[in-house]
């Protein structure tokens, strides 16, 4: 049996029977640690499972063992609900073998529970959720580290690419959450820096219906906007694009979107044929297994992924690559911090040591996105980017190809802009 298969069954057991502990090869039951993945495996499951694959591959490359401790992954489904996420964090604290929590696509659970996370000193690693305030603590404690897009910078990338493509009258269409409100501020600021004001702003809630979406789009069309800046996730994006496709072709507006749309089944529902009738791009980070040439390191990672996961036989099988890539790189940073800090078997003490090590990593860490040199620093209010591993230079825009794959905008996409 391949190592992946045995580990997969351990994950399944832990997922369906959370109280069950699994020892490693008959070793002392205390010689293992758990990593939690608190994400949405119901509404945005593509993103959740992509993050899971990235984490597991980085662990598999170390035979799931660091400092003579076996590592296991526990999946927790918060379904996009902040209260469920809080319950999962409480379960983490009650688990004496729990070492760190990876978060998922959604920002609202992290925003709602940020004070609890920091006050309880829960080591949280964020490979996707992008809302700016997540990694900026108002107090002394800051326990959230991010390797993802930061919305305090994302608006500048989306705006820059749109302006370079000739758009001058953007309309902001934003989900009514902390994530959407964060983007309102940064997108407006980014546009103002170029002498442009949004021609309007509309808000929508999760689960919006097609008739309401159609009303909002008609209002946007009367504003004489030339592009829509969209911030939302796949379920709502599908609704708005369907509503846009119902309009006459000459009235349809382009979408320049945040990447939340890539975390679900958007590309399956809004298929390649439908996408020919809509101009859609979205922000991404600067790595894809589909953009060649690959470095020797990336080629090795892809080969390992194909070996470890039966569902992956080519890069096209890695869905929501953002989650996979960020989950993989962030786990490599965690492993480096664990090796630097050492492990004592006392979870609270080890979390403290790993937190310090993450802020003072002494060795470079090779990842898919880049080589990380001191990606994190000690946080205070004067160093707001201290817990951000990526910067604006690591961002680009992407689009869907004919096989529903995400391609990076390394050169202009064919079409009229």
Protein backbone atom coordinates (compact mmCIF):
# COMPACT_ATOMS: atom_id res chain seq x y z
CA UNK A 1 0.00 0.00 0.00
CA UNK A 2 1.32 3.44 -0.94
CA UNK A 3 2.03 5.83 1.96
CA UNK A 4 -0.75 8.10 0.72
CA UNK A 5 -3.36 5.35 1.00
CA UNK A 6 -2.57 4.50 4.63
CA UNK A 7 -2.50 8.15 5.56
CA UNK A 8 -5.76 8.81 3.71
CA UNK A 9 -7.53 6.20 5.84
CA UNK A 10 -6.11 7.83 8.97
CA UNK A 11 -7.55 11.15 7.82
CA UNK A 12 -10.94 9.56 7.12
CA UNK A 13 -11.01 7.96 10.57
CA UNK A 14 -10.14 11.23 12.24
CA UNK A 15 -12.73 13.08 10.21
CA UNK A 16 -15.64 10.81 11.01
CA UNK A 17 -14.58 9.88 14.57
CA UNK A 18 -12.92 13.03 15.98
CA UNK A 19 -12.18 11.44 19.36
CA UNK A 20 -10.15 8.63 17.83
CA UNK A 21 -6.36 8.84 18.09
CA UNK A 22 -4.19 6.96 15.62
CA UNK A 23 -0.66 6.05 16.60
CA UNK A 24 2.22 5.83 14.14
CA UNK A 25 3.60 2.33 13.49
CA UNK A 26 2.95 1.21 17.05
CA UNK A 27 4.93 4.06 18.63
CA UNK A 28 3.97 5.69 21.89
CA UNK A 29 0.54 7.29 21.47
CA UNK A 30 2.00 10.64 22.56
CA UNK A 31 4.52 10.71 19.71
CA UNK A 32 2.21 12.32 17.22
CA UNK A 33 0.65 15.69 16.53
CA UNK A 34 -2.46 16.81 14.65
CA UNK A 35 -2.89 19.63 12.19
CA UNK A 36 -6.46 20.85 11.74
CA UNK A 37 -7.94 22.11 8.47
CA UNK A 38 -10.97 24.26 9.28
CA UNK A 39 -12.56 25.01 5.91
CA UNK A 40 -15.75 24.82 3.87
CA UNK A 41 -16.09 21.28 2.53
CA UNK A 42 -19.76 21.78 1.62
CA UNK A 43 -20.29 24.94 -0.45
CA UNK A 44 -16.68 25.56 -1.56
CA UNK A 45 -15.37 22.03 -1.32
CA UNK A 46 -13.07 22.35 -4.34
CA UNK A 47 -11.00 24.91 -2.45
CA UNK A 48 -11.06 22.92 0.79
CA UNK A 49 -9.83 19.73 -0.84
CA UNK A 50 -7.17 21.56 -2.85
CA UNK A 51 -5.74 22.98 0.39
CA UNK A 52 -5.89 19.50 1.90
CA UNK A 53 -3.91 18.04 -1.01
CA UNK A 54 -1.22 20.72 -0.73
CA UNK A 55 -0.81 20.16 3.01
CA UNK A 56 -0.72 16.39 2.66
CA UNK A 57 1.84 16.44 -0.15
CA UNK A 58 4.25 18.57 1.89
CA UNK A 59 3.80 16.15 4.80
CA UNK A 60 4.16 13.12 2.53
CA UNK A 61 7.52 14.42 1.29
CA UNK A 62 8.63 14.13 4.92
CA UNK A 63 6.94 10.76 5.41
CA UNK A 64 4.41 12.55 7.67
CA UNK A 65 7.11 12.79 10.31
CA UNK A 66 8.91 15.83 11.75
CA UNK A 67 11.30 15.75 14.71
CA UNK A 68 10.35 12.10 15.30
CA UNK A 69 6.68 13.03 15.66
CA UNK A 70 4.06 11.58 13.35
CA UNK A 71 1.72 14.20 11.85
CA UNK A 72 -1.94 13.65 11.06
CA UNK A 73 -4.53 15.90 9.42
CA UNK A 74 -8.01 16.48 10.85
CA UNK A 75 -10.66 17.90 8.52
CA UNK A 76 -13.28 20.20 10.02
CA UNK A 77 -16.15 21.49 7.86
CA UNK A 78 -17.40 24.91 8.96
CA UNK A 79 -19.62 25.21 5.85
CA UNK A 80 -18.81 28.91 5.61
CA UNK A 81 -20.38 29.52 9.03
CA UNK A 82 -18.42 31.56 11.59
CA UNK A 83 -20.08 29.92 14.60
CA UNK A 84 -19.23 26.43 13.34
CA UNK A 85 -15.66 27.62 12.83
CA UNK A 86 -15.61 28.86 16.44
CA UNK A 87 -16.78 25.43 17.58
CA UNK A 88 -14.00 23.82 15.55
CA UNK A 89 -11.45 26.11 17.19
CA UNK A 90 -12.78 25.11 20.60
CA UNK A 91 -12.36 21.45 19.62
CA UNK A 92 -8.80 22.24 18.61
CA UNK A 93 -8.04 23.76 22.02
CA UNK A 94 -9.55 20.76 23.78
CA UNK A 95 -7.30 18.38 21.82
CA UNK A 96 -3.95 17.87 23.61
CA UNK A 97 -2.32 16.70 20.37
CA UNK A 98 -3.44 19.68 18.22
CA UNK A 99 -0.59 21.89 17.03
CA UNK A 100 -1.85 24.26 14.31
CA UNK A 101 -4.96 25.13 12.30
CA UNK A 102 -5.07 25.78 8.56
CA UNK A 103 -7.99 27.95 7.43
CA UNK A 104 -9.90 27.82 4.16
CA UNK A 105 -11.28 30.05 1.43
CA UNK A 106 -13.68 32.17 3.48
CA UNK A 107 -12.61 35.32 5.28
CA UNK A 108 -15.71 35.89 7.50
CA UNK A 109 -14.96 33.02 9.94
CA UNK A 110 -11.46 34.37 10.53
CA UNK A 111 -12.68 37.95 10.87
CA UNK A 112 -15.41 36.94 13.32
CA UNK A 113 -13.08 34.77 15.42
CA UNK A 114 -9.86 36.77 15.15
CA UNK A 115 -9.93 38.06 18.73
CA UNK A 116 -10.64 34.56 20.05
CA UNK A 117 -7.77 33.12 17.99
CA UNK A 118 -5.30 35.71 19.24
CA UNK A 119 -6.47 35.69 22.86
CA UNK A 120 -6.32 31.88 23.02
CA UNK A 121 -3.00 31.80 21.12
CA UNK A 122 -4.24 29.40 18.45
CA UNK A 123 -1.60 29.01 15.75
CA UNK A 124 -3.54 29.68 12.52
CA UNK A 125 -2.06 29.38 9.01
CA UNK A 126 -4.10 31.02 6.25
CA UNK A 127 -3.53 29.70 2.68
CA UNK A 128 -6.49 31.43 1.00
CA UNK A 129 -8.77 33.84 2.92
CA UNK A 130 -7.80 37.32 1.74
CA UNK A 131 -9.54 39.99 3.85
CA UNK A 132 -6.99 42.59 4.90
CA UNK A 133 -7.72 42.77 8.66
CA UNK A 134 -7.16 39.03 9.18
CA UNK A 135 -3.45 39.37 9.89
CA UNK A 136 -3.61 42.80 11.55
CA UNK A 137 -4.25 42.53 15.26
CA UNK A 138 -5.42 45.46 17.36
CA UNK A 139 -3.86 43.95 20.45
CA UNK A 140 -0.51 42.58 21.51
CA UNK A 141 -1.12 39.02 20.32
CA UNK A 142 -1.18 38.08 16.64
CA UNK A 143 -1.37 34.36 15.87
CA UNK A 144 -2.54 34.36 12.25
CA UNK A 145 0.04 33.95 9.47
CA UNK A 146 -1.00 34.26 5.83
CA UNK A 147 0.47 32.95 2.59
CA UNK A 148 -2.12 34.24 0.16
CA UNK A 149 -3.39 37.41 -1.43
CA UNK A 150 -3.86 40.32 0.97
CA UNK A 151 -6.84 42.50 0.12
CA UNK A 152 -5.00 45.58 1.30
CA UNK A 153 -2.96 45.06 -1.87
CA UNK A 154 -5.27 43.06 -4.16
CA UNK A 155 -7.37 46.03 -5.22
CA UNK A 156 -4.26 47.64 -6.69
CA UNK A 157 -3.56 44.61 -8.89
CA UNK A 158 -7.14 44.28 -10.13
CA UNK A 159 -7.32 48.02 -10.80
CA UNK A 160 -3.92 48.19 -12.50
CA UNK A 161 -4.69 45.41 -14.96
CA UNK A 162 -8.16 46.80 -15.70
CA UNK A 163 -6.89 50.33 -16.29
CA UNK A 164 -4.08 49.01 -18.51
CA UNK A 165 -6.74 47.24 -20.56
CA UNK A 166 -8.51 50.55 -21.12
CA UNK A 167 -11.34 50.50 -18.58
CA UNK A 168 -12.12 53.86 -16.98
CA UNK A 169 -15.56 53.51 -15.34
CA UNK A 170 -15.60 50.53 -12.95
CA UNK A 171 -18.64 49.59 -10.89
CA UNK A 172 -18.03 47.70 -7.64
CA UNK A 173 -20.27 44.67 -7.05
CA UNK A 174 -19.38 43.31 -3.62
CA UNK A 175 -20.64 40.68 -1.21
CA UNK A 176 -21.99 42.19 2.01
CA UNK A 177 -19.38 40.74 4.38
CA UNK A 178 -16.19 41.89 6.05
CA UNK A 179 -14.35 40.61 2.97
CA UNK A 180 -16.47 42.73 0.64
CA UNK A 181 -16.17 45.83 2.84
CA UNK A 182 -12.40 45.40 3.00
CA UNK A 183 -12.26 45.36 -0.79
CA UNK A 184 -14.49 48.42 -1.10
CA UNK A 185 -11.88 50.45 0.76
CA UNK A 186 -8.83 49.12 -1.06
CA UNK A 187 -10.34 49.12 -4.56
CA UNK A 188 -11.59 52.67 -4.12
CA UNK A 189 -8.20 53.76 -2.81
CA UNK A 190 -6.41 52.04 -5.69
CA UNK A 191 -8.66 53.67 -8.28
CA UNK A 192 -8.37 57.09 -6.64
CA UNK A 193 -4.59 56.81 -6.90
CA UNK A 194 -5.09 56.69 -10.69
CA UNK A 195 -7.55 59.57 -10.69
CA UNK A 196 -10.60 57.32 -11.11
CA UNK A 197 -13.71 57.04 -8.95
CA UNK A 198 -16.03 54.01 -9.05
CA UNK A 199 -19.22 54.98 -10.85
CA UNK A 200 -21.19 53.07 -8.22
CA UNK A 201 -21.23 50.36 -5.56
CA UNK A 202 -23.78 47.59 -5.06
CA UNK A 203 -23.89 45.01 -2.26
CA UNK A 204 -25.32 41.49 -2.28
CA UNK A 205 -25.79 38.72 0.27
CA UNK A 206 -24.85 35.06 0.06
CA UNK A 207 -27.49 33.02 -1.74
CA UNK A 208 -28.75 35.89 -3.92
CA UNK A 209 -31.38 34.80 -6.45
CA UNK A 210 -31.23 35.34 -10.18
CA UNK A 211 -34.07 37.87 -10.24
CA UNK A 212 -32.36 40.07 -7.66
CA UNK A 213 -29.05 39.70 -9.49
CA UNK A 214 -30.77 40.79 -12.72
CA UNK A 215 -32.14 43.92 -11.01
CA UNK A 216 -28.68 44.86 -9.73
CA UNK A 217 -27.15 44.35 -13.17
CA UNK A 218 -29.80 46.54 -14.81
CA UNK A 219 -29.00 49.27 -12.31
CA UNK A 220 -25.29 48.92 -13.09
CA UNK A 221 -25.97 49.15 -16.83
CA UNK A 222 -27.79 52.46 -16.39
CA UNK A 223 -24.67 53.92 -14.73
CA UNK A 224 -22.74 53.72 -18.03
CA UNK A 225 -20.03 51.64 -16.33
CA UNK A 226 -17.58 49.88 -18.64
CA UNK A 227 -16.46 47.08 -16.26
CA UNK A 228 -17.64 45.36 -13.07
CA UNK A 229 -15.20 44.75 -10.22
CA UNK A 230 -16.68 41.66 -8.54
CA UNK A 231 -15.92 40.38 -5.05
CA UNK A 232 -17.76 37.18 -4.19
CA UNK A 233 -17.56 33.41 -4.21
CA UNK A 234 -18.51 30.80 -6.79
CA UNK A 235 -22.22 30.36 -5.87
CA UNK A 236 -23.02 34.06 -6.27
CA UNK A 237 -20.70 34.49 -9.25
CA UNK A 238 -22.63 31.78 -11.11
CA UNK A 239 -25.87 33.65 -10.45
CA UNK A 240 -24.57 36.99 -11.67
CA UNK A 241 -22.92 35.58 -14.79
CA UNK A 242 -26.08 33.67 -15.73
CA UNK A 243 -28.05 36.89 -15.29
CA UNK A 244 -25.51 38.78 -17.43
CA UNK A 245 -25.73 36.14 -20.16
CA UNK A 246 -29.50 36.67 -20.30
CA UNK A 247 -28.86 40.25 -21.44
CA UNK A 248 -28.31 41.23 -25.08
CA UNK A 249 -24.68 40.62 -26.05
CA UNK A 250 -23.97 44.29 -26.82
CA UNK A 251 -24.99 45.35 -23.28
CA UNK A 252 -22.93 42.79 -21.33
CA UNK A 253 -20.14 44.17 -19.18
CA UNK A 254 -16.76 42.55 -18.50
CA UNK A 255 -16.02 41.16 -15.02
CA UNK A 256 -12.74 41.71 -13.23
CA UNK A 257 -13.08 39.52 -10.19
CA UNK A 258 -11.50 38.49 -6.97
CA UNK A 259 -10.51 34.85 -6.90
CA UNK A 260 -13.35 33.58 -4.72
CA UNK A 261 -15.07 32.36 -7.88
CA UNK A 262 -12.36 29.72 -8.39
CA UNK A 263 -13.05 27.89 -5.12
CA UNK A 264 -16.16 26.00 -6.23
CA UNK A 265 -17.76 24.57 -9.37
CA UNK A 266 -18.05 27.87 -11.24
CA UNK A 267 -16.10 26.66 -14.29
CA UNK A 268 -18.20 23.50 -14.55
CA UNK A 269 -21.50 25.37 -14.46
CA UNK A 270 -20.40 28.42 -16.46
CA UNK A 271 -18.74 26.18 -19.03
CA UNK A 272 -16.26 27.01 -21.77
CA UNK A 273 -18.98 27.63 -24.36
CA UNK A 274 -20.80 30.07 -22.05
CA UNK A 275 -17.54 31.80 -21.16
CA UNK A 276 -16.96 32.67 -24.81
CA UNK A 277 -19.80 35.17 -24.41
CA UNK A 278 -18.43 36.83 -21.31
CA UNK A 279 -15.18 38.72 -20.60
CA UNK A 280 -13.96 37.40 -17.24
CA UNK A 281 -10.61 37.64 -15.46
CA UNK A 282 -9.70 37.18 -11.80
CA UNK A 283 -6.75 37.80 -9.53
CA UNK A 284 -4.25 35.00 -8.89
CA UNK A 285 -0.78 34.49 -7.48
CA UNK A 286 2.16 34.01 -9.83
CA UNK A 287 2.45 30.24 -10.10
CA UNK A 288 0.57 27.59 -12.03
CA UNK A 289 1.56 24.08 -13.03
CA UNK A 290 0.00 24.94 -16.41
CA UNK A 291 2.26 27.90 -17.18
CA UNK A 292 5.49 26.54 -18.61
CA UNK A 293 8.37 26.14 -18.37
CA UNK A 294 8.34 24.68 -14.85
CA UNK A 295 11.38 24.80 -12.62
CA UNK A 296 12.99 21.49 -11.69
CA UNK A 297 11.54 21.91 -8.19
CA UNK A 298 8.00 22.42 -9.52
CA UNK A 299 8.39 19.44 -11.85
CA UNK A 300 9.37 17.29 -8.88
CA UNK A 301 6.39 18.51 -6.83
CA UNK A 302 4.03 17.72 -9.71
CA UNK A 303 5.55 14.26 -10.09
CA UNK A 304 5.14 13.66 -6.35
CA UNK A 305 1.51 14.79 -6.51
CA UNK A 306 0.79 12.35 -9.35
CA UNK A 307 2.42 9.56 -7.35
CA UNK A 308 0.64 10.37 -4.08
CA UNK A 309 -2.90 11.10 -5.24
CA UNK A 310 -4.79 8.62 -7.44
CA UNK A 311 -7.10 11.41 -8.61
CA UNK A 312 -4.20 13.39 -10.12
CA UNK A 313 -2.63 12.20 -13.37
CA UNK A 314 -1.82 15.60 -14.91
CA UNK A 315 -1.76 19.24 -13.78
CA UNK A 316 -5.28 19.63 -15.19
CA UNK A 317 -6.50 17.36 -12.37
CA UNK A 318 -5.36 19.78 -9.66
CA UNK A 319 -8.52 21.78 -9.13
CA UNK A 320 -8.38 25.21 -7.44
CA UNK A 321 -4.59 25.27 -7.82
CA UNK A 322 -4.43 28.32 -5.58
CA UNK A 323 -5.39 26.21 -2.58
CA UNK A 324 -2.98 23.44 -3.49
CA UNK A 325 0.00 25.75 -4.11
CA UNK A 326 -0.54 27.92 -1.05
CA UNK A 327 -1.31 24.96 1.20
CA UNK A 328 1.87 23.25 0.03
CA UNK A 329 4.14 26.28 0.45
CA UNK A 330 2.67 27.23 3.82
CA UNK A 331 3.15 23.70 5.14
CA UNK A 332 6.79 23.82 4.05
CA UNK A 333 7.19 27.03 6.08
CA UNK A 334 5.51 25.34 9.04
CA UNK A 335 7.84 22.34 8.76
CA UNK A 336 10.87 24.64 8.65
CA UNK A 337 9.62 26.47 11.76
CA UNK A 338 9.02 23.18 13.59
CA UNK A 339 12.54 22.00 12.82
CA UNK A 340 13.97 25.30 13.99
CA UNK A 341 11.89 25.37 17.19
CA UNK A 342 12.02 21.68 18.07
CA UNK A 343 9.17 19.73 19.67
CA UNK A 344 8.67 18.83 23.33
CA UNK A 345 5.33 17.03 23.11
CA UNK A 346 3.63 19.81 25.08
CA UNK A 347 1.29 21.38 22.53
CA UNK A 348 0.87 24.82 24.08
CA UNK A 349 4.59 25.21 24.66
CA UNK A 350 5.39 23.98 21.16
CA UNK A 351 2.88 26.37 19.59
CA UNK A 352 4.65 29.24 21.33
CA UNK A 353 8.03 28.09 20.04
CA UNK A 354 6.76 27.58 16.48
CA UNK A 355 5.16 31.04 16.53
CA UNK A 356 8.54 32.55 17.43
CA UNK A 357 10.29 30.46 14.78
CA UNK A 358 7.86 31.54 12.04
CA UNK A 359 8.68 35.15 12.86
CA UNK A 360 12.43 34.46 12.81
CA UNK A 361 13.01 31.76 10.18
CA UNK A 362 16.76 31.49 9.81
CA UNK A 363 16.90 29.43 6.60
CA UNK A 364 15.47 30.06 3.16
CA UNK A 365 12.55 27.81 2.23
CA UNK A 366 11.97 26.78 -1.38
CA UNK A 367 8.34 26.85 -2.46
CA UNK A 368 6.33 26.76 -5.65
CA UNK A 369 5.62 30.49 -5.69
CA UNK A 370 9.13 31.57 -4.74
CA UNK A 371 12.00 31.05 -2.33
CA UNK A 372 10.95 32.48 1.02
CA UNK A 373 13.53 34.55 2.90
CA UNK A 374 12.24 35.66 6.31
CA UNK A 375 8.63 35.63 5.05
CA UNK A 376 7.30 36.69 8.46
CA UNK A 377 8.49 39.13 11.12
CA UNK A 378 7.47 39.98 14.69
CA UNK A 379 4.21 41.88 14.50
CA UNK A 380 3.33 45.29 15.83
CA UNK A 381 1.10 48.09 14.56
CA UNK A 382 4.06 49.72 12.84
CA UNK A 383 4.74 46.58 10.77
CA UNK A 384 1.27 45.72 9.41
CA UNK A 385 2.65 43.32 6.77
CA UNK A 386 4.69 41.30 9.28
CA UNK A 387 2.49 38.20 8.99
CA UNK A 388 2.15 38.34 5.19
CA UNK A 389 4.37 35.94 3.23
CA UNK A 390 3.44 37.41 -0.16
CA UNK A 391 3.48 40.89 -1.63
CA UNK A 392 1.91 42.63 -4.61
CA UNK A 393 4.77 41.53 -6.86
CA UNK A 394 3.55 37.95 -6.32
CA UNK A 395 0.11 38.74 -7.83
CA UNK A 396 -1.21 38.63 -11.38
CA UNK A 397 -4.54 38.03 -13.13
CA UNK A 398 -5.86 34.79 -14.59
CA UNK A 399 -8.67 33.38 -16.71
CA UNK A 400 -10.31 30.04 -17.47
CA UNK A 401 -9.11 27.99 -20.42
CA UNK A 402 -11.14 25.64 -22.58
CA UNK A 403 -10.57 22.74 -20.18
CA UNK A 404 -11.79 24.74 -17.16
CA UNK A 405 -8.19 25.20 -16.12
CA UNK A 406 -6.88 28.45 -14.62
CA UNK A 407 -4.27 30.13 -16.80
CA UNK A 408 -2.18 33.10 -15.71
CA UNK A 409 -2.19 36.35 -17.64
CA UNK A 410 1.48 36.40 -18.55
CA UNK A 411 0.52 37.96 -21.85
CA UNK A 412 -2.72 39.62 -23.04
CA UNK A 413 -5.65 37.26 -23.39
CA UNK A 414 -7.07 37.12 -26.92
CA UNK A 415 -10.07 39.43 -27.20
CA UNK A 416 -11.05 43.04 -27.33
CA UNK A 417 -10.14 45.13 -24.29
